[in-house]
Amino acid sequence: MSENEPAEKTFQQRADEFIALANQQNAETEVENVNSALLFSAARFNVFSTSRQFDTVEKLEADKQEVINYFSKRYTEMLEQNFEEYSSRFDDYTQK
């Protein structure tokens, strides 16, 4: 990598950018609207990114449940992890 090339963003930096965008949108609408759009977008991108590894739609469809199980498990893990972190800092996060 040359000095002029930007450094690769970290996982956390990318996540923070999505959260910042969601917070911006939340200023314009109800949090439920932003949450639904974010979930839909994640699901759509998950299918897009996964489908690229298949060379036929039949193979993609054959692995549909495996893909859904994978993303459901990962989402559950991340939701549990974030729930615990948020709970541990609830008073800090909810101060008005």
PDB file of N, CA and C in Angstrom:
ATOM      1  N   MET A   1       0.850  -1.176   0.000  1.00  0.00           N
ATOM      2  CA  MET A   1       0.000   0.000   0.000  1.00  0.00           C
ATOM      3  C   MET A   1       0.889   1.229   0.000  1.00  0.00           C
ATOM      4  N   SER A   2       0.571   2.163  -0.866  1.00  0.00           N
ATOM      5  CA  SER A   2       1.370   3.384  -0.927  1.00  0.00           C
ATOM      6  C   SER A   2       0.886   4.382   0.117  1.00  0.00           C
ATOM      7  N   GLU A   3       1.671   5.418   0.308  1.00  0.00           N
ATOM      8  CA  GLU A   3       1.320   6.446   1.285  1.00  0.00           C
ATOM      9  C   GLU A   3       0.021   7.155   0.930  1.00  0.00           C
ATOM     10  N   ASN A   4      -0.319   7.212  -0.352  1.00  0.00           N
ATOM     11  CA  ASN A   4      -1.493   7.950  -0.807  1.00  0.00           C
ATOM     12  C   ASN A   4      -2.789   7.146  -0.734  1.00  0.00           C
ATOM     13  N   GLU A   5      -2.673   5.847  -0.544  1.00  0.00           N
ATOM     14  CA  GLU A   5      -3.867   5.018  -0.464  1.00  0.00           C
ATOM     15  C   GLU A   5      -4.451   5.087   0.932  1.00  0.00           C
ATOM     16  N   PRO A   6      -5.784   5.233   1.014  1.00  0.00           N
ATOM     17  CA  PRO A   6      -6.384   5.255   2.354  1.00  0.00           C
ATOM     18  C   PRO A   6      -6.266   3.884   3.016  1.00  0.00           C
ATOM     19  N   ALA A   7      -6.130   3.889   4.315  1.00  0.00           N
ATOM     20  CA  ALA A   7      -6.047   2.631   5.058  1.00  0.00           C
ATOM     21  C   ALA A   7      -7.399   1.923   5.005  1.00  0.00           C
ATOM     22  N   GLU A   8      -7.351   0.614   4.994  1.00  0.00           N
ATOM     23  CA  GLU A   8      -8.584  -0.181   5.014  1.00  0.00           C
ATOM     24  C   GLU A   8      -9.328   0.096   6.312  1.00  0.00           C
ATOM     25  N   LYS A   9     -10.625   0.315   6.198  1.00  0.00           N
ATOM     26  CA  LYS A   9     -11.438   0.566   7.385  1.00  0.00           C
ATOM     27  C   LYS A   9     -11.571  -0.723   8.182  1.00  0.00           C
ATOM     28  N   THR A  10     -11.661  -0.559   9.477  1.00  0.00           N
ATOM     29  CA  THR A  10     -11.864  -1.705  10.342  1.00  0.00           C
ATOM     30  C   THR A  10     -13.348  -2.069  10.373  1.00  0.00           C
ATOM     31  N   PHE A  11     -13.626  -3.240  10.874  1.00  0.00           N
ATOM     32  CA  PHE A  11     -15.005  -3.690  11.057  1.00  0.00           C
ATOM     33  C   PHE A  11     -15.779  -2.663  11.888  1.00  0.00           C
ATOM     34  N   GLN A  12     -15.185  -2.220  12.995  1.00  0.00           N
ATOM     35  CA  GLN A  12     -15.872  -1.281  13.883  1.00  0.00           C
ATOM     36  C   GLN A  12     -16.121   0.055  13.196  1.00  0.00           C
ATOM     37  N   GLN A  13     -15.173   0.523  12.392  1.00  0.00           N
ATOM     38  CA  GLN A  13     -15.367   1.782  11.662  1.00  0.00           C
ATOM     39  C   GLN A  13     -16.540   1.677  10.681  1.00  0.00           C
ATOM     40  N   ARG A  14     -16.612   0.559   9.998  1.00  0.00           N
ATOM     41  CA  ARG A  14     -17.728   0.368   9.064  1.00  0.00           C
ATOM     42  C   ARG A  14     -19.058   0.303   9.814  1.00  0.00           C
ATOM     43  N   ALA A  15     -19.091  -0.429  10.911  1.00  0.00           N
ATOM     44  CA  ALA A  15     -20.314  -0.513  11.713  1.00  0.00           C
ATOM     45  C   ALA A  15     -20.710   0.866  12.230  1.00  0.00           C
ATOM     46  N   ASP A  16     -19.741   1.638  12.697  1.00  0.00           N
ATOM     47  CA  ASP A  16     -20.023   2.984  13.206  1.00  0.00           C
ATOM     48  C   ASP A  16     -20.603   3.887  12.122  1.00  0.00           C
ATOM     49  N   GLU A  17     -20.161   3.712  10.875  1.00  0.00           N
ATOM     50  CA  GLU A  17     -20.709   4.508   9.779  1.00  0.00           C
ATOM     51  C   GLU A  17     -22.178   4.173   9.535  1.00  0.00           C
ATOM     52  N   PHE A  18     -22.527   2.890   9.599  1.00  0.00           N
ATOM     53  CA  PHE A  18     -23.932   2.503   9.446  1.00  0.00           C
ATOM     54  C   PHE A  18     -24.777   3.049  10.599  1.00  0.00           C
ATOM     55  N   ILE A  19     -24.247   2.982  11.798  1.00  0.00           N
ATOM     56  CA  ILE A  19     -24.964   3.503  12.961  1.00  0.00           C
ATOM     57  C   ILE A  19     -25.147   5.013  12.848  1.00  0.00           C
ATOM     58  N   ALA A  20     -24.122   5.719  12.397  1.00  0.00           N
ATOM     59  CA  ALA A  20     -24.226   7.174  12.223  1.00  0.00           C
ATOM     60  C   ALA A  20     -25.309   7.516  11.201  1.00  0.00           C
ATOM     61  N   LEU A  21     -25.365   6.766  10.109  1.00  0.00           N
ATOM     62  CA  LEU A  21     -26.399   7.002   9.102  1.00  0.00           C
ATOM     63  C   LEU A  21     -27.787   6.727   9.688  1.00  0.00           C
ATOM     64  N   ALA A  22     -27.917   5.647  10.434  1.00  0.00           N
ATOM     65  CA  ALA A  22     -29.200   5.338  11.074  1.00  0.00           C
ATOM     66  C   ALA A  22     -29.605   6.453  12.038  1.00  0.00           C
ATOM     67  N   ASN A  23     -28.661   6.984  12.779  1.00  0.00           N
ATOM     68  CA  ASN A  23     -28.956   8.086  13.697  1.00  0.00           C
ATOM     69  C   ASN A  23     -29.390   9.334  12.935  1.00  0.00           C
ATOM     70  N   GLN A  24     -28.762   9.605  11.800  1.00  0.00           N
ATOM     71  CA  GLN A  24     -29.172  10.744  10.961  1.00  0.00           C
ATOM     72  C   GLN A  24     -30.614  10.561  10.491  1.00  0.00           C
ATOM     73  N   GLN A  25     -30.918   9.369  10.015  1.00  0.00           N
ATOM     74  CA  GLN A  25     -32.272   9.102   9.530  1.00  0.00           C
ATOM     75  C   GLN A  25     -33.283   9.154  10.661  1.00  0.00           C
ATOM     76  N   ASN A  26     -32.878   8.763  11.853  1.00  0.00           N
ATOM     77  CA  ASN A  26     -33.771   8.788  13.000  1.00  0.00           C
ATOM     78  C   ASN A  26     -34.200  10.220  13.336  1.00  0.00           C
ATOM     79  N   ALA A  27     -33.389  11.199  12.989  1.00  0.00           N
ATOM     80  CA  ALA A  27     -33.752  12.604  13.218  1.00  0.00           C
ATOM     81  C   ALA A  27     -34.914  13.024  12.315  1.00  0.00           C
ATOM     82  N   GLU A  28     -35.141  12.263  11.237  1.00  0.00           N
ATOM     83  CA  GLU A  28     -36.168  12.610  10.251  1.00  0.00           C
ATOM     84  C   GLU A  28     -37.446  11.783  10.373  1.00  0.00           C
ATOM     85  N   THR A  29     -37.388  10.679  11.104  1.00  0.00           N
ATOM     86  CA  THR A  29     -38.533   9.770  11.155  1.00  0.00           C
ATOM     87  C   THR A  29     -38.493   8.967  12.444  1.00  0.00           C
ATOM     88  N   GLU A  30     -39.479   8.134  12.624  1.00  0.00           N
ATOM     89  CA  GLU A  30     -39.561   7.286  13.816  1.00  0.00           C
ATOM     90  C   GLU A  30     -38.467   6.219  13.799  1.00  0.00           C
ATOM     91  N   VAL A  31     -37.988   5.863  14.971  1.00  0.00           N
ATOM     92  CA  VAL A  31     -36.927   4.862  15.085  1.00  0.00           C
ATOM     93  C   VAL A  31     -37.353   3.523  14.481  1.00  0.00           C
ATOM     94  N   GLU A  32     -38.636   3.195  14.563  1.00  0.00           N
ATOM     95  CA  GLU A  32     -39.120   1.935  14.001  1.00  0.00           C
ATOM     96  C   GLU A  32     -38.932   1.892  12.486  1.00  0.00           C
ATOM     97  N   ASN A  33     -39.108   3.048  11.817  1.00  0.00           N
ATOM     98  CA  ASN A  33     -38.910   3.107  10.366  1.00  0.00           C
ATOM     99  C   ASN A  33     -37.452   2.864  10.006  1.00  0.00           C
ATOM    100  N   VAL A  34     -36.553   3.476  10.768  1.00  0.00           N
ATOM    101  CA  VAL A  34     -35.122   3.305  10.520  1.00  0.00           C
ATOM    102  C   VAL A  34     -34.718   1.868  10.812  1.00  0.00           C
ATOM    103  N   ASN A  35     -35.204   1.329  11.916  1.00  0.00           N
ATOM    104  CA  ASN A  35     -34.877  -0.042  12.291  1.00  0.00           C
ATOM    105  C   ASN A  35     -35.332  -1.030  11.217  1.00  0.00           C
ATOM    106  N   SER A  36     -36.552  -0.859  10.717  1.00  0.00           N
ATOM    107  CA  SER A  36     -37.066  -1.757   9.675  1.00  0.00           C
ATOM    108  C   SER A  36     -36.251  -1.643   8.396  1.00  0.00           C
ATOM    109  N   ALA A  37     -35.895  -0.424   8.013  1.00  0.00           N
ATOM    110  CA  ALA A  37     -35.097  -0.225   6.805  1.00  0.00           C
ATOM    111  C   ALA A  37     -33.707  -0.838   6.954  1.00  0.00           C
ATOM    112  N   LEU A  38     -33.128  -0.696   8.137  1.00  0.00           N
ATOM    113  CA  LEU A  38     -31.800  -1.256   8.393  1.00  0.00           C
ATOM    114  C   LEU A  38     -31.828  -2.784   8.349  1.00  0.00           C
ATOM    115  N   LEU A  39     -32.843  -3.389   8.962  1.00  0.00           N
ATOM    116  CA  LEU A  39     -32.972  -4.849   8.925  1.00  0.00           C
ATOM    117  C   LEU A  39     -33.186  -5.356   7.498  1.00  0.00           C
ATOM    118  N   PHE A  40     -34.062  -4.657   6.759  1.00  0.00           N
ATOM    119  CA  PHE A  40     -34.321  -5.054   5.377  1.00  0.00           C
ATOM    120  C   PHE A  40     -33.050  -4.943   4.541  1.00  0.00           C
ATOM    121  N   SER A  41     -32.333  -3.837   4.714  1.00  0.00           N
ATOM    122  CA  SER A  41     -31.096  -3.626   3.964  1.00  0.00           C
ATOM    123  C   SER A  41     -30.062  -4.698   4.273  1.00  0.00           C
ATOM    124  N   ALA A  42     -29.936  -5.050   5.547  1.00  0.00           N
ATOM    125  CA  ALA A  42     -28.990  -6.097   5.937  1.00  0.00           C
ATOM    126  C   ALA A  42     -29.379  -7.427   5.305  1.00  0.00           C
ATOM    127  N   ALA A  43     -30.656  -7.759   5.355  1.00  0.00           N
ATOM    128  CA  ALA A  43     -31.111  -9.021   4.764  1.00  0.00           C
ATOM    129  C   ALA A  43     -30.855  -9.041   3.261  1.00  0.00           C
ATOM    130  N   ARG A  44     -31.141  -7.934   2.611  1.00  0.00           N
ATOM    131  CA  ARG A  44     -30.935  -7.868   1.158  1.00  0.00           C
ATOM    132  C   ARG A  44     -29.455  -8.004   0.818  1.00  0.00           C
ATOM    133  N   PHE A  45     -28.599  -7.317   1.574  1.00  0.00           N
ATOM    134  CA  PHE A  45     -27.168  -7.396   1.298  1.00  0.00           C
ATOM    135  C   PHE A  45     -26.622  -8.779   1.653  1.00  0.00           C
ATOM    136  N   ASN A  46     -27.162  -9.410   2.682  1.00  0.00           N
ATOM    137  CA  ASN A  46     -26.740 -10.765   3.034  1.00  0.00           C
ATOM    138  C   ASN A  46     -27.005 -11.727   1.880  1.00  0.00           C
ATOM    139  N   VAL A  47     -28.175 -11.632   1.272  1.00  0.00           N
ATOM    140  CA  VAL A  47     -28.495 -12.509   0.138  1.00  0.00           C
ATOM    141  C   VAL A  47     -27.588 -12.184  -1.043  1.00  0.00           C
ATOM    142  N   PHE A  48     -27.389 -10.900  -1.319  1.00  0.00           N
ATOM    143  CA  PHE A  48     -26.498 -10.496  -2.412  1.00  0.00           C
ATOM    144  C   PHE A  48     -25.096 -11.053  -2.207  1.00  0.00           C
ATOM    145  N   SER A  49     -24.544 -10.851  -1.023  1.00  0.00           N
ATOM    146  CA  SER A  49     -23.157 -11.277  -0.788  1.00  0.00           C
ATOM    147  C   SER A  49     -23.022 -12.796  -0.803  1.00  0.00           C
ATOM    148  N   THR A  50     -24.040 -13.485  -0.341  1.00  0.00           N
ATOM    149  CA  THR A  50     -24.007 -14.947  -0.323  1.00  0.00           C
ATOM    150  C   THR A  50     -24.207 -15.527  -1.718  1.00  0.00           C
ATOM    151  N   SER A  51     -25.107 -14.940  -2.478  1.00  0.00           N
ATOM    152  CA  SER A  51     -25.436 -15.506  -3.790  1.00  0.00           C
ATOM    153  C   SER A  51     -24.248 -15.497  -4.744  1.00  0.00           C
ATOM    154  N   ARG A  52     -23.285 -14.646  -4.478  1.00  0.00           N
ATOM    155  CA  ARG A  52     -22.117 -14.555  -5.356  1.00  0.00           C
ATOM    156  C   ARG A  52     -21.254 -15.818  -5.340  1.00  0.00           C
ATOM    157  N   GLN A  53     -21.410 -16.658  -4.326  1.00  0.00           N
ATOM    158  CA  GLN A  53     -20.600 -17.873  -4.263  1.00  0.00           C
ATOM    159  C   GLN A  53     -21.230 -19.047  -5.022  1.00  0.00           C
ATOM    160  N   PHE A  54     -22.420 -18.864  -5.570  1.00  0.00           N
ATOM    161  CA  PHE A  54     -23.112 -19.926  -6.303  1.00  0.00           C
ATOM    162  C   PHE A  54     -23.077 -19.630  -7.795  1.00  0.00           C
ATOM    163  N   ASP A  55     -22.951 -20.687  -8.592  1.00  0.00           N
ATOM    164  CA  ASP A  55     -22.919 -20.463 -10.038  1.00  0.00           C
ATOM    165  C   ASP A  55     -24.268 -20.725 -10.709  1.00  0.00           C
ATOM    166  N   THR A  56     -25.240 -21.251  -9.941  1.00  0.00           N
ATOM    167  CA  THR A  56     -26.595 -21.424 -10.486  1.00  0.00           C
ATOM    168  C   THR A  56     -27.608 -21.084  -9.406  1.00  0.00           C
ATOM    169  N   VAL A  57     -28.784 -20.680  -9.850  1.00  0.00           N
ATOM    170  CA  VAL A  57     -29.859 -20.364  -8.912  1.00  0.00           C
ATOM    171  C   VAL A  57     -30.312 -21.636  -8.184  1.00  0.00           C
ATOM    172  N   GLU A  58     -30.202 -22.771  -8.855  1.00  0.00           N
ATOM    173  CA  GLU A  58     -30.604 -24.032  -8.224  1.00  0.00           C
ATOM    174  C   GLU A  58     -29.725 -24.343  -7.002  1.00  0.00           C
ATOM    175  N   LYS A  59     -28.425 -24.101  -7.148  1.00  0.00           N
ATOM    176  CA  LYS A  59     -27.511 -24.318  -6.014  1.00  0.00           C
ATOM    177  C   LYS A  59     -27.798 -23.329  -4.892  1.00  0.00           C
ATOM    178  N   LEU A  60     -28.077 -22.092  -5.257  1.00  0.00           N
ATOM    179  CA  LEU A  60     -28.435 -21.084  -4.256  1.00  0.00           C
ATOM    180  C   LEU A  60     -29.686 -21.517  -3.502  1.00  0.00           C
ATOM    181  N   GLU A  61     -30.706 -21.909  -4.229  1.00  0.00           N
ATOM    182  CA  GLU A  61     -31.960 -22.316  -3.603  1.00  0.00           C
ATOM    183  C   GLU A  61     -31.795 -23.581  -2.764  1.00  0.00           C
ATOM    184  N   ALA A  62     -30.922 -24.481  -3.191  1.00  0.00           N
ATOM    185  CA  ALA A  62     -30.686 -25.711  -2.432  1.00  0.00           C
ATOM    186  C   ALA A  62     -30.063 -25.416  -1.067  1.00  0.00           C
ATOM    187  N   ASP A  63     -29.294 -24.340  -0.988  1.00  0.00           N
ATOM    188  CA  ASP A  63     -28.633 -23.974   0.269  1.00  0.00           C
ATOM    189  C   ASP A  63     -29.365 -22.873   1.033  1.00  0.00           C
ATOM    190  N   LYS A  64     -30.576 -22.543   0.605  1.00  0.00           N
ATOM    191  CA  LYS A  64     -31.327 -21.446   1.213  1.00  0.00           C
ATOM    192  C   LYS A  64     -31.422 -21.583   2.734  1.00  0.00           C
ATOM    193  N   GLN A  65     -31.849 -22.734   3.225  1.00  0.00           N
ATOM    194  CA  GLN A  65     -32.040 -22.880   4.670  1.00  0.00           C
ATOM    195  C   GLN A  65     -30.712 -22.790   5.424  1.00  0.00           C
ATOM    196  N   GLU A  66     -29.661 -23.317   4.844  1.00  0.00           N
ATOM    197  CA  GLU A  66     -28.336 -23.224   5.463  1.00  0.00           C
ATOM    198  C   GLU A  66     -27.884 -21.755   5.568  1.00  0.00           C
ATOM    199  N   VAL A  67     -28.133 -20.992   4.528  1.00  0.00           N
ATOM    200  CA  VAL A  67     -27.788 -19.565   4.538  1.00  0.00           C
ATOM    201  C   VAL A  67     -28.617 -18.834   5.590  1.00  0.00           C
ATOM    202  N   ILE A  68     -29.911 -19.096   5.610  1.00  0.00           N
ATOM    203  CA  ILE A  68     -30.789 -18.453   6.602  1.00  0.00           C
ATOM    204  C   ILE A  68     -30.358 -18.830   8.012  1.00  0.00           C
ATOM    205  N   ASN A  69     -30.039 -20.088   8.227  1.00  0.00           N
ATOM    206  CA  ASN A  69     -29.588 -20.521   9.551  1.00  0.00           C
ATOM    207  C   ASN A  69     -28.297 -19.813   9.959  1.00  0.00           C
ATOM    208  N   TYR A  70     -27.370 -19.687   9.028  1.00  0.00           N
ATOM    209  CA  TYR A  70     -26.101 -19.021   9.318  1.00  0.00           C
ATOM    210  C   TYR A  70     -26.329 -17.577   9.753  1.00  0.00           C
ATOM    211  N   PHE A  71     -27.077 -16.820   8.946  1.00  0.00           N
ATOM    212  CA  PHE A  71     -27.283 -15.415   9.278  1.00  0.00           C
ATOM    213  C   PHE A  71     -28.159 -15.248  10.520  1.00  0.00           C
ATOM    214  N   SER A  72     -29.107 -16.130  10.714  1.00  0.00           N
ATOM    215  CA  SER A  72     -29.934 -16.062  11.932  1.00  0.00           C
ATOM    216  C   SER A  72     -29.088 -16.288  13.170  1.00  0.00           C
ATOM    217  N   LYS A  73     -28.191 -17.260  13.103  1.00  0.00           N
ATOM    218  CA  LYS A  73     -27.306 -17.539  14.237  1.00  0.00           C
ATOM    219  C   LYS A  73     -26.372 -16.367  14.508  1.00  0.00           C
ATOM    220  N   ARG A  74     -25.765 -15.835  13.448  1.00  0.00           N
ATOM    221  CA  ARG A  74     -24.853 -14.696  13.613  1.00  0.00           C
ATOM    222  C   ARG A  74     -25.594 -13.487  14.165  1.00  0.00           C
ATOM    223  N   TYR A  75     -26.803 -13.209  13.667  1.00  0.00           N
ATOM    224  CA  TYR A  75     -27.573 -12.075  14.163  1.00  0.00           C
ATOM    225  C   TYR A  75     -27.920 -12.266  15.633  1.00  0.00           C
ATOM    226  N   THR A  76     -28.330 -13.456  15.995  1.00  0.00           N
ATOM    227  CA  THR A  76     -28.660 -13.736  17.396  1.00  0.00           C
ATOM    228  C   THR A  76     -27.451 -13.511  18.290  1.00  0.00           C
ATOM    229  N   GLU A  77     -26.284 -13.994  17.866  1.00  0.00           N
ATOM    230  CA  GLU A  77     -25.055 -13.787  18.651  1.00  0.00           C
ATOM    231  C   GLU A  77     -24.761 -12.304  18.817  1.00  0.00           C
ATOM    232  N   MET A  78     -24.861 -11.547  17.731  1.00  0.00           N
ATOM    233  CA  MET A  78     -24.568 -10.116  17.788  1.00  0.00           C
ATOM    234  C   MET A  78     -25.600  -9.363  18.620  1.00  0.00           C
ATOM    235  N   LEU A  79     -26.864  -9.751  18.490  1.00  0.00           N
ATOM    236  CA  LEU A  79     -27.924  -9.113  19.269  1.00  0.00           C
ATOM    237  C   LEU A  79     -27.716  -9.369  20.755  1.00  0.00           C
ATOM    238  N   GLU A  80     -27.399 -10.607  21.118  1.00  0.00           N
ATOM    239  CA  GLU A  80     -27.141 -10.933  22.523  1.00  0.00           C
ATOM    240  C   GLU A  80     -25.942 -10.153  23.063  1.00  0.00           C
ATOM    241  N   GLN A  81     -24.887 -10.086  22.286  1.00  0.00           N
ATOM    242  CA  GLN A  81     -23.681  -9.363  22.698  1.00  0.00           C
ATOM    243  C   GLN A  81     -23.974  -7.875  22.899  1.00  0.00           C
ATOM    244  N   ASN A  82     -24.692  -7.277  21.958  1.00  0.00           N
ATOM    245  CA  ASN A  82     -25.026  -5.863  22.081  1.00  0.00           C
ATOM    246  C   ASN A  82     -26.036  -5.600  23.186  1.00  0.00           C
ATOM    247  N   PHE A  83     -26.946  -6.524  23.400  1.00  0.00           N
ATOM    248  CA  PHE A  83     -27.912  -6.388  24.491  1.00  0.00           C
ATOM    249  C   PHE A  83     -27.196  -6.352  25.832  1.00  0.00           C
ATOM    250  N   GLU A  84     -26.253  -7.259  26.023  1.00  0.00           N
ATOM    251  CA  GLU A  84     -25.487  -7.301  27.269  1.00  0.00           C
ATOM    252  C   GLU A  84     -24.688  -6.018  27.462  1.00  0.00           C
ATOM    253  N   GLU A  85     -24.037  -5.558  26.406  1.00  0.00           N
ATOM    254  CA  GLU A  85     -23.242  -4.340  26.503  1.00  0.00           C
ATOM    255  C   GLU A  85     -24.134  -3.141  26.807  1.00  0.00           C
ATOM    256  N   TYR A  86     -25.281  -3.047  26.140  1.00  0.00           N
ATOM    257  CA  TYR A  86     -26.198  -1.931  26.369  1.00  0.00           C
ATOM    258  C   TYR A  86     -26.752  -1.978  27.791  1.00  0.00           C
ATOM    259  N   SER A  87     -27.118  -3.174  28.238  1.00  0.00           N
ATOM    260  CA  SER A  87     -27.648  -3.322  29.604  1.00  0.00           C
ATOM    261  C   SER A  87     -26.636  -2.889  30.643  1.00  0.00           C
ATOM    262  N   SER A  88     -25.381  -3.216  30.407  1.00  0.00           N
ATOM    263  CA  SER A  88     -24.344  -2.870  31.384  1.00  0.00           C
ATOM    264  C   SER A  88     -24.091  -1.360  31.437  1.00  0.00           C
ATOM    265  N   ARG A  89     -24.488  -0.647  30.390  1.00  0.00           N
ATOM    266  CA  ARG A  89     -24.291   0.812  30.345  1.00  0.00           C
ATOM    267  C   ARG A  89     -25.615   1.557  30.200  1.00  0.00           C
ATOM    268  N   PHE A  90     -26.679   0.913  30.606  1.00  0.00           N
ATOM    269  CA  PHE A  90     -28.024   1.455  30.415  1.00  0.00           C
ATOM    270  C   PHE A  90     -28.146   2.887  30.929  1.00  0.00           C
ATOM    271  N   ASP A  91     -27.687   3.144  32.131  1.00  0.00           N
ATOM    272  CA  ASP A  91     -27.822   4.490  32.709  1.00  0.00           C
ATOM    273  C   ASP A  91     -27.051   5.526  31.896  1.00  0.00           C
ATOM    274  N   ASP A  92     -25.891   5.168  31.395  1.00  0.00           N
ATOM    275  CA  ASP A  92     -25.112   6.099  30.571  1.00  0.00           C
ATOM    276  C   ASP A  92     -25.828   6.386  29.240  1.00  0.00           C
ATOM    277  N   TYR A  93     -26.399   5.335  28.637  1.00  0.00           N
ATOM    278  CA  TYR A  93     -27.007   5.477  27.322  1.00  0.00           C
ATOM    279  C   TYR A  93     -28.371   6.157  27.367  1.00  0.00           C
ATOM    280  N   THR A  94     -29.048   6.097  28.495  1.00  0.00           N
ATOM    281  CA  THR A  94     -30.411   6.627  28.561  1.00  0.00           C
ATOM    282  C   THR A  94     -30.513   7.969  29.285  1.00  0.00           C
ATOM    283  N   GLN A  95     -29.399   8.530  29.684  1.00  0.00           N
ATOM    284  CA  GLN A  95     -29.454   9.845  30.319  1.00  0.00           C
ATOM    285  C   GLN A  95     -29.943  10.882  29.327  1.00  0.00           C
ATOM    286  N   LYS A  96     -30.795  11.748  29.829  1.00  0.00           N
ATOM    287  CA  LYS A  96     -31.366  12.775  28.946  1.00  0.00           C
ATOM    288  C   LYS A  96     -30.767  14.108  29.201  1.00  0.00           C
TER     289      LYS A  96
END
